Amino acid sequence: MSEFKKILFATDFSRGSEKAFSHALSLARKYRARLDVVHVVQEMLDITEFYVPHISVEVIEREMEEAAEVKIKDFCKDSIKDVEYETHIKMGVPFKEIIETAEAVGADVIVMGTHGRSGVDHVLFGSTAEKVVRKSTLPVLTVRAD
Protein backbone atom coordinates (compact mmCIF):
# COMPACT_ATOMS: atom_id res chain seq x y z
CA MET A 1 0.00 0.00 0.00
CA SER A 2 1.18 3.50 -0.80
CA GLU A 3 2.12 5.96 1.88
CA PHE A 4 -0.21 8.91 2.03
CA LYS A 5 1.34 12.27 2.82
CA LYS A 6 -1.63 14.43 1.81
CA ILE A 7 -5.26 13.40 1.90
CA LEU A 8 -8.05 15.46 0.36
CA PHE A 9 -11.40 15.05 2.11
CA ALA A 10 -14.35 16.46 0.16
CA THR A 11 -17.43 17.31 2.20
CA ASP A 12 -20.93 18.54 1.56
CA PHE A 13 -21.67 18.29 5.31
CA SER A 14 -24.12 15.43 4.73
CA ARG A 15 -24.38 12.20 6.73
CA GLY A 16 -22.39 10.47 4.01
CA SER A 17 -19.62 13.00 4.40
CA GLU A 18 -19.56 12.50 8.16
CA LYS A 19 -19.04 8.78 7.74
CA ALA A 20 -16.33 9.31 5.10
CA PHE A 21 -14.62 11.82 7.39
CA SER A 22 -13.86 9.14 9.97
CA HIS A 23 -12.02 7.18 7.27
CA ALA A 24 -10.11 10.25 6.06
CA LEU A 25 -9.11 11.16 9.62
CA SER A 26 -8.06 7.57 10.36
CA LEU A 27 -5.83 7.53 7.26
CA ALA A 28 -4.33 10.90 8.18
CA ARG A 29 -3.52 9.66 11.68
CA LYS A 30 -2.12 6.33 10.50
CA TYR A 31 0.19 7.91 7.91
CA ARG A 32 0.78 11.17 9.79
CA ALA A 33 -0.54 12.88 6.70
CA ARG A 34 -1.88 16.37 6.20
CA LEU A 35 -5.64 16.52 5.69
CA ASP A 36 -7.01 19.03 3.20
CA VAL A 37 -10.74 19.56 3.69
CA VAL A 38 -12.66 20.99 0.73
CA HIS A 39 -16.26 22.10 0.35
CA VAL A 40 -17.61 23.26 -2.99
CA VAL A 41 -20.36 25.85 -3.18
CA GLN A 42 -22.17 25.19 -6.43
CA GLU A 43 -22.51 28.31 -8.55
CA MET A 44 -26.03 29.51 -9.11
CA LEU A 45 -27.48 29.39 -12.58
CA ASP A 46 -27.71 32.64 -14.46
CA ILE A 47 -31.08 33.99 -13.38
CA THR A 48 -30.82 37.42 -14.92
CA GLU A 49 -34.13 37.00 -16.69
CA PHE A 50 -35.75 36.49 -13.27
CA TYR A 51 -34.16 39.61 -11.87
CA VAL A 52 -34.97 40.37 -8.27
CA PRO A 53 -34.16 44.05 -7.65
CA HIS A 54 -33.11 43.82 -4.00
CA ILE A 55 -30.86 40.73 -4.26
CA SER A 56 -28.09 40.05 -6.72
CA VAL A 57 -26.71 36.61 -7.60
CA GLU A 58 -23.23 37.82 -6.62
CA VAL A 59 -24.46 38.77 -3.14
CA ILE A 60 -26.18 35.42 -2.66
CA GLU A 61 -23.10 33.50 -3.83
CA ARG A 62 -20.83 35.56 -1.57
CA GLU A 63 -23.11 34.88 1.40
CA MET A 64 -23.17 31.16 0.59
CA GLU A 65 -19.38 31.14 0.42
CA GLU A 66 -19.07 33.00 3.73
CA ALA A 67 -21.52 30.62 5.43
CA ALA A 68 -19.58 27.62 4.09
CA GLU A 69 -16.35 29.13 5.41
CA VAL A 70 -17.81 29.39 8.92
CA LYS A 71 -19.25 25.88 8.73
CA ILE A 72 -16.02 24.25 7.55
CA LYS A 73 -13.94 26.08 10.18
CA ASP A 74 -16.34 24.99 12.97
CA PHE A 75 -16.41 21.44 11.63
CA CYS A 76 -12.63 21.17 11.60
CA LYS A 77 -12.16 22.92 14.94
CA ASP A 78 -14.56 20.45 16.59
CA SER A 79 -13.42 17.32 14.72
CA ILE A 80 -9.68 17.54 14.08
CA LYS A 81 -7.40 17.71 17.07
CA ASP A 82 -4.23 15.81 16.27
CA VAL A 83 -3.71 16.14 12.52
CA GLU A 84 -2.32 18.98 10.44
CA TYR A 85 -5.07 20.30 8.17
CA GLU A 86 -6.05 23.08 5.82
CA THR A 87 -9.51 24.09 4.64
CA HIS A 88 -10.61 25.10 1.15
CA ILE A 89 -13.88 26.65 0.01
CA LYS A 90 -14.35 26.55 -3.75
CA MET A 91 -17.07 27.90 -6.00
CA GLY A 92 -18.04 25.96 -9.11
CA VAL A 93 -18.94 22.50 -10.34
CA PRO A 94 -18.27 20.15 -7.41
CA PHE A 95 -16.54 17.23 -9.15
CA LYS A 96 -14.27 19.57 -11.14
CA GLU A 97 -13.33 21.66 -8.12
CA ILE A 98 -12.64 18.56 -6.00
CA ILE A 99 -10.28 17.13 -8.62
CA GLU A 100 -8.59 20.49 -9.25
CA THR A 101 -8.09 21.08 -5.52
CA ALA A 102 -6.65 17.58 -5.03
CA GLU A 103 -4.17 18.18 -7.83
CA ALA A 104 -3.30 21.69 -6.61
CA VAL A 105 -2.48 20.55 -3.06
CA GLY A 106 -0.62 17.45 -4.25
CA ALA A 107 -3.02 14.99 -2.63
CA ASP A 108 -2.20 11.29 -2.75
CA VAL A 109 -5.84 10.22 -2.36
CA ILE A 110 -9.33 11.73 -2.35
CA VAL A 111 -11.80 10.59 0.31
CA MET A 112 -15.49 11.39 -0.02
CA GLY A 113 -18.92 10.09 0.88
CA THR A 114 -21.67 8.96 -1.43
CA HIS A 115 -25.39 9.40 -1.03
CA GLY A 116 -26.21 6.01 -2.51
CA ARG A 117 -28.77 7.41 -4.93
CA SER A 118 -30.17 5.07 -7.51
CA GLY A 119 -32.80 5.00 -10.20
CA VAL A 120 -34.43 8.28 -11.15
CA ASP A 121 -32.56 10.29 -8.48
CA HIS A 122 -29.25 9.13 -9.90
CA VAL A 123 -30.30 9.89 -13.47
CA LEU A 124 -31.61 13.36 -12.57
CA PHE A 125 -28.94 14.48 -10.14
CA GLY A 126 -25.95 12.35 -11.12
CA SER A 127 -23.27 11.58 -8.63
CA THR A 128 -20.42 13.87 -7.74
CA ALA A 129 -18.54 10.92 -6.26
CA GLU A 130 -19.03 8.87 -9.42
CA LYS A 131 -17.74 11.73 -11.58
CA VAL A 132 -14.70 12.18 -9.34
CA VAL A 133 -13.96 8.44 -9.52
CA ARG A 134 -14.29 8.41 -13.31
CA LYS A 135 -12.34 11.59 -14.03
CA SER A 136 -9.65 11.76 -11.35
CA THR A 137 -6.15 10.48 -12.01
CA LEU A 138 -5.75 10.06 -8.24
CA PRO A 139 -7.06 7.14 -6.19
CA VAL A 140 -10.49 7.86 -4.71
CA LEU A 141 -11.91 6.24 -1.58
CA THR A 142 -15.72 6.51 -1.49
CA VAL A 143 -17.74 5.70 1.60
CA ARG A 144 -21.45 5.01 1.33
CA ALA A 145 -23.70 6.65 3.92
CA ASP A 146 -25.81 3.58 4.66
C-alpha atoms as a PDB file:
ATOM      1  CA  MET A   1       0.000   0.000   0.000  1.00  0.00           C
ATOM      2  CA  SER A   2       1.181   3.503  -0.799  1.00  0.00           C
ATOM      3  CA  GLU A   3       2.116   5.960   1.876  1.00  0.00           C
ATOM      4  CA  PHE A   4      -0.214   8.912   2.033  1.00  0.00           C
ATOM      5  CA  LYS A   5       1.340  12.272   2.816  1.00  0.00           C
ATOM      6  CA  LYS A   6      -1.632  14.429   1.807  1.00  0.00           C
ATOM      7  CA  ILE A   7      -5.265  13.400   1.901  1.00  0.00           C
ATOM      8  CA  LEU A   8      -8.048  15.457   0.364  1.00  0.00           C
ATOM      9  CA  PHE A   9     -11.397  15.048   2.111  1.00  0.00           C
ATOM     10  CA  ALA A  10     -14.352  16.459   0.164  1.00  0.00           C
ATOM     11  CA  THR A  11     -17.426  17.310   2.202  1.00  0.00           C
ATOM     12  CA  ASP A  12     -20.930  18.535   1.556  1.00  0.00           C
ATOM     13  CA  PHE A  13     -21.673  18.295   5.307  1.00  0.00           C
ATOM     14  CA  SER A  14     -24.124  15.429   4.731  1.00  0.00           C
ATOM     15  CA  ARG A  15     -24.384  12.196   6.727  1.00  0.00           C
ATOM     16  CA  GLY A  16     -22.386  10.466   4.007  1.00  0.00           C
ATOM     17  CA  SER A  17     -19.620  13.003   4.403  1.00  0.00           C
ATOM     18  CA  GLU A  18     -19.564  12.498   8.164  1.00  0.00           C
ATOM     19  CA  LYS A  19     -19.040   8.779   7.735  1.00  0.00           C
ATOM     20  CA  ALA A  20     -16.334   9.307   5.105  1.00  0.00           C
ATOM     21  CA  PHE A  21     -14.623  11.817   7.386  1.00  0.00           C
ATOM     22  CA  SER A  22     -13.858   9.144   9.970  1.00  0.00           C
ATOM     23  CA  HIS A  23     -12.017   7.181   7.266  1.00  0.00           C
ATOM     24  CA  ALA A  24     -10.109  10.250   6.063  1.00  0.00           C
ATOM     25  CA  LEU A  25      -9.110  11.155   9.623  1.00  0.00           C
ATOM     26  CA  SER A  26      -8.064   7.572  10.360  1.00  0.00           C
ATOM     27  CA  LEU A  27      -5.835   7.525   7.260  1.00  0.00           C
ATOM     28  CA  ALA A  28      -4.334  10.900   8.183  1.00  0.00           C
ATOM     29  CA  ARG A  29      -3.525   9.657  11.683  1.00  0.00           C
ATOM     30  CA  LYS A  30      -2.123   6.328  10.495  1.00  0.00           C
ATOM     31  CA  TYR A  31       0.194   7.905   7.910  1.00  0.00           C
ATOM     32  CA  ARG A  32       0.781  11.170   9.793  1.00  0.00           C
ATOM     33  CA  ALA A  33      -0.541  12.875   6.698  1.00  0.00           C
ATOM     34  CA  ARG A  34      -1.876  16.370   6.196  1.00  0.00           C
ATOM     35  CA  LEU A  35      -5.639  16.522   5.686  1.00  0.00           C
ATOM     36  CA  ASP A  36      -7.006  19.027   3.201  1.00  0.00           C
ATOM     37  CA  VAL A  37     -10.736  19.565   3.686  1.00  0.00           C
ATOM     38  CA  VAL A  38     -12.661  20.991   0.729  1.00  0.00           C
ATOM     39  CA  HIS A  39     -16.258  22.105   0.348  1.00  0.00           C
ATOM     40  CA  VAL A  40     -17.606  23.262  -2.992  1.00  0.00           C
ATOM     41  CA  VAL A  41     -20.364  25.853  -3.182  1.00  0.00           C
ATOM     42  CA  GLN A  42     -22.165  25.193  -6.430  1.00  0.00           C
ATOM     43  CA  GLU A  43     -22.510  28.313  -8.548  1.00  0.00           C
ATOM     44  CA  MET A  44     -26.031  29.507  -9.110  1.00  0.00           C
ATOM     45  CA  LEU A  45     -27.483  29.390 -12.581  1.00  0.00           C
ATOM     46  CA  ASP A  46     -27.712  32.636 -14.460  1.00  0.00           C
ATOM     47  CA  ILE A  47     -31.077  33.988 -13.381  1.00  0.00           C
ATOM     48  CA  THR A  48     -30.818  37.419 -14.922  1.00  0.00           C
ATOM     49  CA  GLU A  49     -34.134  36.995 -16.694  1.00  0.00           C
ATOM     50  CA  PHE A  50     -35.747  36.493 -13.273  1.00  0.00           C
ATOM     51  CA  TYR A  51     -34.158  39.609 -11.875  1.00  0.00           C
ATOM     52  CA  VAL A  52     -34.973  40.368  -8.267  1.00  0.00           C
ATOM     53  CA  PRO A  53     -34.161  44.047  -7.654  1.00  0.00           C
ATOM     54  CA  HIS A  54     -33.111  43.819  -3.996  1.00  0.00           C
ATOM     55  CA  ILE A  55     -30.862  40.730  -4.261  1.00  0.00           C
ATOM     56  CA  SER A  56     -28.085  40.046  -6.725  1.00  0.00           C
ATOM     57  CA  VAL A  57     -26.705  36.610  -7.601  1.00  0.00           C
ATOM     58  CA  GLU A  58     -23.234  37.816  -6.622  1.00  0.00           C
ATOM     59  CA  VAL A  59     -24.456  38.773  -3.144  1.00  0.00           C
ATOM     60  CA  ILE A  60     -26.183  35.420  -2.658  1.00  0.00           C
ATOM     61  CA  GLU A  61     -23.100  33.501  -3.834  1.00  0.00           C
ATOM     62  CA  ARG A  62     -20.827  35.558  -1.571  1.00  0.00           C
ATOM     63  CA  GLU A  63     -23.114  34.877   1.402  1.00  0.00           C
ATOM     64  CA  MET A  64     -23.172  31.157   0.586  1.00  0.00           C
ATOM     65  CA  GLU A  65     -19.379  31.139   0.418  1.00  0.00           C
ATOM     66  CA  GLU A  66     -19.070  33.000   3.734  1.00  0.00           C
ATOM     67  CA  ALA A  67     -21.521  30.620   5.426  1.00  0.00           C
ATOM     68  CA  ALA A  68     -19.578  27.619   4.089  1.00  0.00           C
ATOM     69  CA  GLU A  69     -16.347  29.128   5.407  1.00  0.00           C
ATOM     70  CA  VAL A  70     -17.814  29.393   8.917  1.00  0.00           C
ATOM     71  CA  LYS A  71     -19.250  25.876   8.735  1.00  0.00           C
ATOM     72  CA  ILE A  72     -16.019  24.247   7.554  1.00  0.00           C
ATOM     73  CA  LYS A  73     -13.939  26.076  10.185  1.00  0.00           C
ATOM     74  CA  ASP A  74     -16.337  24.991  12.967  1.00  0.00           C
ATOM     75  CA  PHE A  75     -16.407  21.435  11.632  1.00  0.00           C
ATOM     76  CA  CYS A  76     -12.626  21.175  11.596  1.00  0.00           C
ATOM     77  CA  LYS A  77     -12.156  22.918  14.942  1.00  0.00           C
ATOM     78  CA  ASP A  78     -14.559  20.454  16.586  1.00  0.00           C
ATOM     79  CA  SER A  79     -13.421  17.318  14.723  1.00  0.00           C
ATOM     80  CA  ILE A  80      -9.682  17.542  14.080  1.00  0.00           C
ATOM     81  CA  LYS A  81      -7.404  17.707  17.075  1.00  0.00           C
ATOM     82  CA  ASP A  82      -4.228  15.805  16.272  1.00  0.00           C
ATOM     83  CA  VAL A  83      -3.710  16.139  12.516  1.00  0.00           C
ATOM     84  CA  GLU A  84      -2.321  18.984  10.437  1.00  0.00           C
ATOM     85  CA  TYR A  85      -5.072  20.301   8.167  1.00  0.00           C
ATOM     86  CA  GLU A  86      -6.050  23.076   5.816  1.00  0.00           C
ATOM     87  CA  THR A  87      -9.515  24.092   4.642  1.00  0.00           C
ATOM     88  CA  HIS A  88     -10.606  25.102   1.150  1.00  0.00           C
ATOM     89  CA  ILE A  89     -13.876  26.650   0.008  1.00  0.00           C
ATOM     90  CA  LYS A  90     -14.348  26.554  -3.749  1.00  0.00           C
ATOM     91  CA  MET A  91     -17.070  27.902  -6.003  1.00  0.00           C
ATOM     92  CA  GLY A  92     -18.041  25.963  -9.107  1.00  0.00           C
ATOM     93  CA  VAL A  93     -18.941  22.499 -10.340  1.00  0.00           C
ATOM     94  CA  PRO A  94     -18.274  20.150  -7.406  1.00  0.00           C
ATOM     95  CA  PHE A  95     -16.543  17.233  -9.146  1.00  0.00           C
ATOM     96  CA  LYS A  96     -14.273  19.567 -11.138  1.00  0.00           C
ATOM     97  CA  GLU A  97     -13.332  21.656  -8.117  1.00  0.00           C
ATOM     98  CA  ILE A  98     -12.640  18.561  -5.997  1.00  0.00           C
ATOM     99  CA  ILE A  99     -10.279  17.132  -8.616  1.00  0.00           C
ATOM    100  CA  GLU A 100      -8.588  20.492  -9.248  1.00  0.00           C
ATOM    101  CA  THR A 101      -8.086  21.076  -5.523  1.00  0.00           C
ATOM    102  CA  ALA A 102      -6.653  17.580  -5.033  1.00  0.00           C
ATOM    103  CA  GLU A 103      -4.169  18.176  -7.828  1.00  0.00           C
ATOM    104  CA  ALA A 104      -3.304  21.693  -6.609  1.00  0.00           C
ATOM    105  CA  VAL A 105      -2.479  20.548  -3.057  1.00  0.00           C
ATOM    106  CA  GLY A 106      -0.619  17.453  -4.250  1.00  0.00           C
ATOM    107  CA  ALA A 107      -3.019  14.986  -2.633  1.00  0.00           C
ATOM    108  CA  ASP A 108      -2.197  11.286  -2.750  1.00  0.00           C
ATOM    109  CA  VAL A 109      -5.844  10.217  -2.355  1.00  0.00           C
ATOM    110  CA  ILE A 110      -9.330  11.732  -2.349  1.00  0.00           C
ATOM    111  CA  VAL A 111     -11.801  10.586   0.312  1.00  0.00           C
ATOM    112  CA  MET A 112     -15.492  11.392  -0.019  1.00  0.00           C
ATOM    113  CA  GLY A 113     -18.923  10.088   0.878  1.00  0.00           C
ATOM    114  CA  THR A 114     -21.665   8.962  -1.429  1.00  0.00           C
ATOM    115  CA  HIS A 115     -25.395   9.401  -1.034  1.00  0.00           C
ATOM    116  CA  GLY A 116     -26.213   6.012  -2.508  1.00  0.00           C
ATOM    117  CA  ARG A 117     -28.770   7.411  -4.928  1.00  0.00           C
ATOM    118  CA  SER A 118     -30.171   5.068  -7.507  1.00  0.00           C
ATOM    119  CA  GLY A 119     -32.801   4.999 -10.202  1.00  0.00           C
ATOM    120  CA  VAL A 120     -34.430   8.282 -11.154  1.00  0.00           C
ATOM    121  CA  ASP A 121     -32.561  10.291  -8.476  1.00  0.00           C
ATOM    122  CA  HIS A 122     -29.251   9.133  -9.899  1.00  0.00           C
ATOM    123  CA  VAL A 123     -30.300   9.891 -13.469  1.00  0.00           C
ATOM    124  CA  LEU A 124     -31.613  13.361 -12.574  1.00  0.00           C
ATOM    125  CA  PHE A 125     -28.937  14.477 -10.139  1.00  0.00           C
ATOM    126  CA  GLY A 126     -25.951  12.348 -11.116  1.00  0.00           C
ATOM    127  CA  SER A 127     -23.274  11.581  -8.626  1.00  0.00           C
ATOM    128  CA  THR A 128     -20.423  13.874  -7.739  1.00  0.00           C
ATOM    129  CA  ALA A 129     -18.538  10.923  -6.256  1.00  0.00           C
ATOM    130  CA  GLU A 130     -19.035   8.874  -9.422  1.00  0.00           C
ATOM    131  CA  LYS A 131     -17.737  11.727 -11.579  1.00  0.00           C
ATOM    132  CA  VAL A 132     -14.700  12.179  -9.338  1.00  0.00           C
ATOM    133  CA  VAL A 133     -13.957   8.435  -9.524  1.00  0.00           C
ATOM    134  CA  ARG A 134     -14.291   8.411 -13.315  1.00  0.00           C
ATOM    135  CA  LYS A 135     -12.336  11.588 -14.030  1.00  0.00           C
ATOM    136  CA  SER A 136      -9.650  11.761 -11.345  1.00  0.00           C
ATOM    137  CA  THR A 137      -6.152  10.478 -12.012  1.00  0.00           C
ATOM    138  CA  LEU A 138      -5.747  10.060  -8.241  1.00  0.00           C
ATOM    139  CA  PRO A 139      -7.058   7.140  -6.192  1.00  0.00           C
ATOM    140  CA  VAL A 140     -10.489   7.859  -4.706  1.00  0.00           C
ATOM    141  CA  LEU A 141     -11.912   6.244  -1.580  1.00  0.00           C
ATOM    142  CA  THR A 142     -15.718   6.505  -1.493  1.00  0.00           C
ATOM    143  CA  VAL A 143     -17.739   5.695   1.597  1.00  0.00           C
ATOM    144  CA  ARG A 144     -21.447   5.005   1.334  1.00  0.00           C
ATOM    145  CA  ALA A 145     -23.696   6.650   3.920  1.00  0.00           C
ATOM    146  CA  ASP A 146     -25.814   3.581   4.655  1.00  0.00           C
END
